[in-house]
């Protein structure tokens, strides 16, 4: 679902970009970033029954904010941020099937080794108590500490 939504957004923004070409001062820009050090997982529903953590390395969300400001000043169609995103884009260009299979295997592996955690609805029905800041604290932790 996560990858499908990214692909959907890419198609949407590409179509919107073409529609807006006739408007000189309207620009549609995509930012494709690696996983971010945010509190997003604190707010998201978790139906896996496993503790979730973003795979390292995670990017400081302030970097994305700065890029957004730069794009407002000097628009570009697309920007890729983070080592994993650049690597994924490169490998996908060479072997798209390999990326899909590799991500499926990696996801299955991480869910298998992750400790159990209760299923949650996140902030769908009510606010959550944790995760009120910008940063999630993921950059300071090793991956194994994240899962404990």
C-alpha atoms as a PDB file:
ATOM      1  CA  UNK A   1       0.000   0.000   0.000  1.00  0.00           C
ATOM      2  CA  UNK A   2       2.850   2.387   0.860  1.00  0.00           C
ATOM      3  CA  UNK A   3       4.620   1.883  -2.475  1.00  0.00           C
ATOM      4  CA  UNK A   4       1.350   1.943  -4.400  1.00  0.00           C
ATOM      5  CA  UNK A   5       0.419   5.290  -2.853  1.00  0.00           C
ATOM      6  CA  UNK A   6       3.819   6.740  -3.834  1.00  0.00           C
ATOM      7  CA  UNK A   7       3.319   5.554  -7.396  1.00  0.00           C
ATOM      8  CA  UNK A   8      -0.182   7.049  -7.394  1.00  0.00           C
ATOM      9  CA  UNK A   9       1.148  10.394  -6.186  1.00  0.00           C
ATOM     10  CA  UNK A  10       3.823  10.340  -8.870  1.00  0.00           C
ATOM     11  CA  UNK A  11       1.202   9.804 -11.576  1.00  0.00           C
ATOM     12  CA  UNK A  12      -1.087  12.445 -10.090  1.00  0.00           C
ATOM     13  CA  UNK A  13       1.609  15.111  -9.867  1.00  0.00           C
ATOM     14  CA  UNK A  14       2.861  14.326 -13.370  1.00  0.00           C
ATOM     15  CA  UNK A  15      -0.640  14.729 -14.801  1.00  0.00           C
ATOM     16  CA  UNK A  16      -1.183  17.899 -12.751  1.00  0.00           C
ATOM     17  CA  UNK A  17       2.169  19.279 -13.932  1.00  0.00           C
ATOM     18  CA  UNK A  18       1.070  18.912 -17.571  1.00  0.00           C
ATOM     19  CA  UNK A  19      -2.299  20.503 -16.857  1.00  0.00           C
ATOM     20  CA  UNK A  20      -0.638  23.487 -15.172  1.00  0.00           C
ATOM     21  CA  UNK A  21       1.963  24.094 -17.931  1.00  0.00           C
ATOM     22  CA  UNK A  22      -0.236  26.843 -19.385  1.00  0.00           C
ATOM     23  CA  UNK A  23      -0.049  28.723 -16.060  1.00  0.00           C
ATOM     24  CA  UNK A  24       3.367  30.367 -16.012  1.00  0.00           C
ATOM     25  CA  UNK A  25       3.617  30.833 -12.235  1.00  0.00           C
ATOM     26  CA  UNK A  26       2.213  27.485 -11.068  1.00  0.00           C
ATOM     27  CA  UNK A  27       4.749  24.679 -10.641  1.00  0.00           C
ATOM     28  CA  UNK A  28       4.172  21.122  -9.468  1.00  0.00           C
ATOM     29  CA  UNK A  29       7.224  19.522  -7.877  1.00  0.00           C
ATOM     30  CA  UNK A  30       7.760  15.986  -6.552  1.00  0.00           C
ATOM     31  CA  UNK A  31      10.046  15.219  -3.633  1.00  0.00           C
ATOM     32  CA  UNK A  32      10.984  11.560  -3.397  1.00  0.00           C
ATOM     33  CA  UNK A  33      12.656  11.117  -0.033  1.00  0.00           C
ATOM     34  CA  UNK A  34      13.961   8.142   1.867  1.00  0.00           C
ATOM     35  CA  UNK A  35      12.397   7.381   5.247  1.00  0.00           C
ATOM     36  CA  UNK A  36      12.328  10.403   7.539  1.00  0.00           C
ATOM     37  CA  UNK A  37      13.111  10.860  11.221  1.00  0.00           C
ATOM     38  CA  UNK A  38       9.565  11.900  12.090  1.00  0.00           C
ATOM     39  CA  UNK A  39       6.866  10.858  14.535  1.00  0.00           C
ATOM     40  CA  UNK A  40       4.776   9.438  11.689  1.00  0.00           C
ATOM     41  CA  UNK A  41       4.876   5.891  13.013  1.00  0.00           C
ATOM     42  CA  UNK A  42       3.523   7.156  16.355  1.00  0.00           C
ATOM     43  CA  UNK A  43       0.415   8.440  14.555  1.00  0.00           C
ATOM     44  CA  UNK A  44      -0.091   5.694  11.993  1.00  0.00           C
ATOM     45  CA  UNK A  45      -2.358   2.711  12.436  1.00  0.00           C
ATOM     46  CA  UNK A  46      -0.418  -0.514  12.861  1.00  0.00           C
ATOM     47  CA  UNK A  47      -2.260  -3.644  11.816  1.00  0.00           C
ATOM     48  CA  UNK A  48       0.851  -5.830  11.530  1.00  0.00           C
ATOM     49  CA  UNK A  49       0.998  -6.904  15.164  1.00  0.00           C
ATOM     50  CA  UNK A  50       4.719  -6.086  15.033  1.00  0.00           C
ATOM     51  CA  UNK A  51       6.773  -3.145  16.280  1.00  0.00           C
ATOM     52  CA  UNK A  52       7.579  -0.924  13.314  1.00  0.00           C
ATOM     53  CA  UNK A  53      10.667   1.207  12.723  1.00  0.00           C
ATOM     54  CA  UNK A  54      11.900   2.979   9.602  1.00  0.00           C
ATOM     55  CA  UNK A  55      14.909   1.322   7.974  1.00  0.00           C
ATOM     56  CA  UNK A  56      18.167   3.228   8.367  1.00  0.00           C
ATOM     57  CA  UNK A  57      19.486   5.633   7.400  1.00  0.00           C
ATOM     58  CA  UNK A  58      16.641   8.069   8.018  1.00  0.00           C
ATOM     59  CA  UNK A  59      16.696  11.669   6.856  1.00  0.00           C
ATOM     60  CA  UNK A  60      16.160  14.757   8.993  1.00  0.00           C
ATOM     61  CA  UNK A  61      12.741  16.200   8.006  1.00  0.00           C
ATOM     62  CA  UNK A  62      14.245  19.695   8.230  1.00  0.00           C
ATOM     63  CA  UNK A  63      16.258  18.816   5.111  1.00  0.00           C
ATOM     64  CA  UNK A  64      12.997  18.164   3.263  1.00  0.00           C
ATOM     65  CA  UNK A  65      11.537  21.461   4.522  1.00  0.00           C
ATOM     66  CA  UNK A  66      14.589  23.365   3.242  1.00  0.00           C
ATOM     67  CA  UNK A  67      14.296  21.662  -0.149  1.00  0.00           C
ATOM     68  CA  UNK A  68      10.610  22.637  -0.286  1.00  0.00           C
ATOM     69  CA  UNK A  69      11.565  26.284   0.241  1.00  0.00           C
ATOM     70  CA  UNK A  70      14.243  26.028  -2.475  1.00  0.00           C
ATOM     71  CA  UNK A  71      11.693  24.492  -4.859  1.00  0.00           C
ATOM     72  CA  UNK A  72       9.315  27.383  -4.188  1.00  0.00           C
ATOM     73  CA  UNK A  73      12.122  29.768  -5.154  1.00  0.00           C
ATOM     74  CA  UNK A  74      13.493  27.725  -8.074  1.00  0.00           C
ATOM     75  CA  UNK A  75      11.039  24.986  -9.161  1.00  0.00           C
ATOM     76  CA  UNK A  76      12.144  21.633 -10.559  1.00  0.00           C
ATOM     77  CA  UNK A  77       9.919  18.760 -11.617  1.00  0.00           C
ATOM     78  CA  UNK A  78      11.430  16.232  -9.233  1.00  0.00           C
ATOM     79  CA  UNK A  79      13.970  15.940  -6.413  1.00  0.00           C
ATOM     80  CA  UNK A  80      15.262  12.740  -4.823  1.00  0.00           C
ATOM     81  CA  UNK A  81      16.564  12.927  -1.240  1.00  0.00           C
ATOM     82  CA  UNK A  82      18.522  10.409   0.773  1.00  0.00           C
ATOM     83  CA  UNK A  83      21.004   7.681  -0.036  1.00  0.00           C
ATOM     84  CA  UNK A  84      18.380   4.888  -0.047  1.00  0.00           C
ATOM     85  CA  UNK A  85      16.110   6.832  -2.395  1.00  0.00           C
ATOM     86  CA  UNK A  86      18.958   7.519  -4.853  1.00  0.00           C
ATOM     87  CA  UNK A  87      20.113   3.906  -4.722  1.00  0.00           C
ATOM     88  CA  UNK A  88      16.571   2.605  -5.174  1.00  0.00           C
ATOM     89  CA  UNK A  89      15.975   4.914  -8.129  1.00  0.00           C
ATOM     90  CA  UNK A  90      19.221   3.783  -9.793  1.00  0.00           C
ATOM     91  CA  UNK A  91      18.612   0.058  -9.275  1.00  0.00           C
ATOM     92  CA  UNK A  92      14.952   0.427 -10.343  1.00  0.00           C
ATOM     93  CA  UNK A  93      16.119   1.977 -13.635  1.00  0.00           C
ATOM     94  CA  UNK A  94      18.319  -1.061 -14.283  1.00  0.00           C
ATOM     95  CA  UNK A  95      16.074  -3.825 -12.917  1.00  0.00           C
ATOM     96  CA  UNK A  96      12.586  -2.809 -11.737  1.00  0.00           C
ATOM     97  CA  UNK A  97      11.574  -6.385 -10.940  1.00  0.00           C
ATOM     98  CA  UNK A  98      14.615  -6.849  -8.728  1.00  0.00           C
ATOM     99  CA  UNK A  99      13.651  -3.812  -6.626  1.00  0.00           C
ATOM    100  CA  UNK A 100      10.093  -5.053  -6.135  1.00  0.00           C
ATOM    101  CA  UNK A 101      11.210  -8.559  -5.173  1.00  0.00           C
ATOM    102  CA  UNK A 102      13.989  -7.220  -2.948  1.00  0.00           C
ATOM    103  CA  UNK A 103      11.656  -4.882  -1.067  1.00  0.00           C
ATOM    104  CA  UNK A 104       9.115  -7.670  -0.547  1.00  0.00           C
ATOM    105  CA  UNK A 105      11.828  -9.982   0.836  1.00  0.00           C
ATOM    106  CA  UNK A 106      13.236  -7.239   3.089  1.00  0.00           C
ATOM    107  CA  UNK A 107       9.776  -6.319   4.405  1.00  0.00           C
ATOM    108  CA  UNK A 108       8.950  -9.951   5.173  1.00  0.00           C
ATOM    109  CA  UNK A 109      12.309 -10.390   6.938  1.00  0.00           C
ATOM    110  CA  UNK A 110      11.938  -7.288   9.124  1.00  0.00           C
ATOM    111  CA  UNK A 111       8.378  -8.182  10.086  1.00  0.00           C
ATOM    112  CA  UNK A 112       9.557 -11.677  10.979  1.00  0.00           C
ATOM    113  CA  UNK A 113      12.349 -10.465  13.306  1.00  0.00           C
ATOM    114  CA  UNK A 114      10.416  -7.534  14.809  1.00  0.00           C
ATOM    115  CA  UNK A 115       8.986  -8.046  18.296  1.00  0.00           C
ATOM    116  CA  UNK A 116       5.241  -8.371  18.754  1.00  0.00           C
ATOM    117  CA  UNK A 117       3.250  -5.254  19.474  1.00  0.00           C
ATOM    118  CA  UNK A 118      -0.458  -4.656  19.823  1.00  0.00           C
ATOM    119  CA  UNK A 119      -2.553  -3.660  16.855  1.00  0.00           C
ATOM    120  CA  UNK A 120      -3.449   0.037  16.970  1.00  0.00           C
ATOM    121  CA  UNK A 121      -5.710   2.401  15.052  1.00  0.00           C
ATOM    122  CA  UNK A 122      -3.218   5.262  15.353  1.00  0.00           C
ATOM    123  CA  UNK A 123      -4.864   8.660  15.305  1.00  0.00           C
ATOM    124  CA  UNK A 124      -7.804   7.614  13.126  1.00  0.00           C
ATOM    125  CA  UNK A 125     -10.385   7.755  15.940  1.00  0.00           C
ATOM    126  CA  UNK A 126      -8.637   9.852  18.609  1.00  0.00           C
ATOM    127  CA  UNK A 127      -5.381  11.768  19.128  1.00  0.00           C
ATOM    128  CA  UNK A 128      -2.355   9.787  20.251  1.00  0.00           C
ATOM    129  CA  UNK A 129      -0.401  10.741  23.366  1.00  0.00           C
ATOM    130  CA  UNK A 130       3.105  10.409  21.942  1.00  0.00           C
ATOM    131  CA  UNK A 131       4.840  11.855  18.920  1.00  0.00           C
ATOM    132  CA  UNK A 132       4.061  15.555  19.302  1.00  0.00           C
ATOM    133  CA  UNK A 133       7.411  16.809  17.955  1.00  0.00           C
ATOM    134  CA  UNK A 134       9.026  16.976  14.544  1.00  0.00           C
ATOM    135  CA  UNK A 135      11.735  14.383  15.050  1.00  0.00           C
ATOM    136  CA  UNK A 136      11.054  10.775  15.968  1.00  0.00           C
ATOM    137  CA  UNK A 137      14.509  10.092  17.400  1.00  0.00           C
ATOM    138  CA  UNK A 138      15.263   7.407  14.821  1.00  0.00           C
ATOM    139  CA  UNK A 139      18.601   8.833  13.651  1.00  0.00           C
ATOM    140  CA  UNK A 140      20.163   8.413  17.103  1.00  0.00           C
ATOM    141  CA  UNK A 141      19.336   4.706  17.372  1.00  0.00           C
ATOM    142  CA  UNK A 142      20.781   1.610  15.779  1.00  0.00           C
ATOM    143  CA  UNK A 143      18.219  -0.513  13.976  1.00  0.00           C
ATOM    144  CA  UNK A 144      18.274  -3.259  16.628  1.00  0.00           C
ATOM    145  CA  UNK A 145      17.647  -0.722  19.422  1.00  0.00           C
ATOM    146  CA  UNK A 146      14.687   0.604  17.441  1.00  0.00           C
ATOM    147  CA  UNK A 147      12.997  -2.749  17.522  1.00  0.00           C
ATOM    148  CA  UNK A 148      13.411  -3.328  21.279  1.00  0.00           C
END
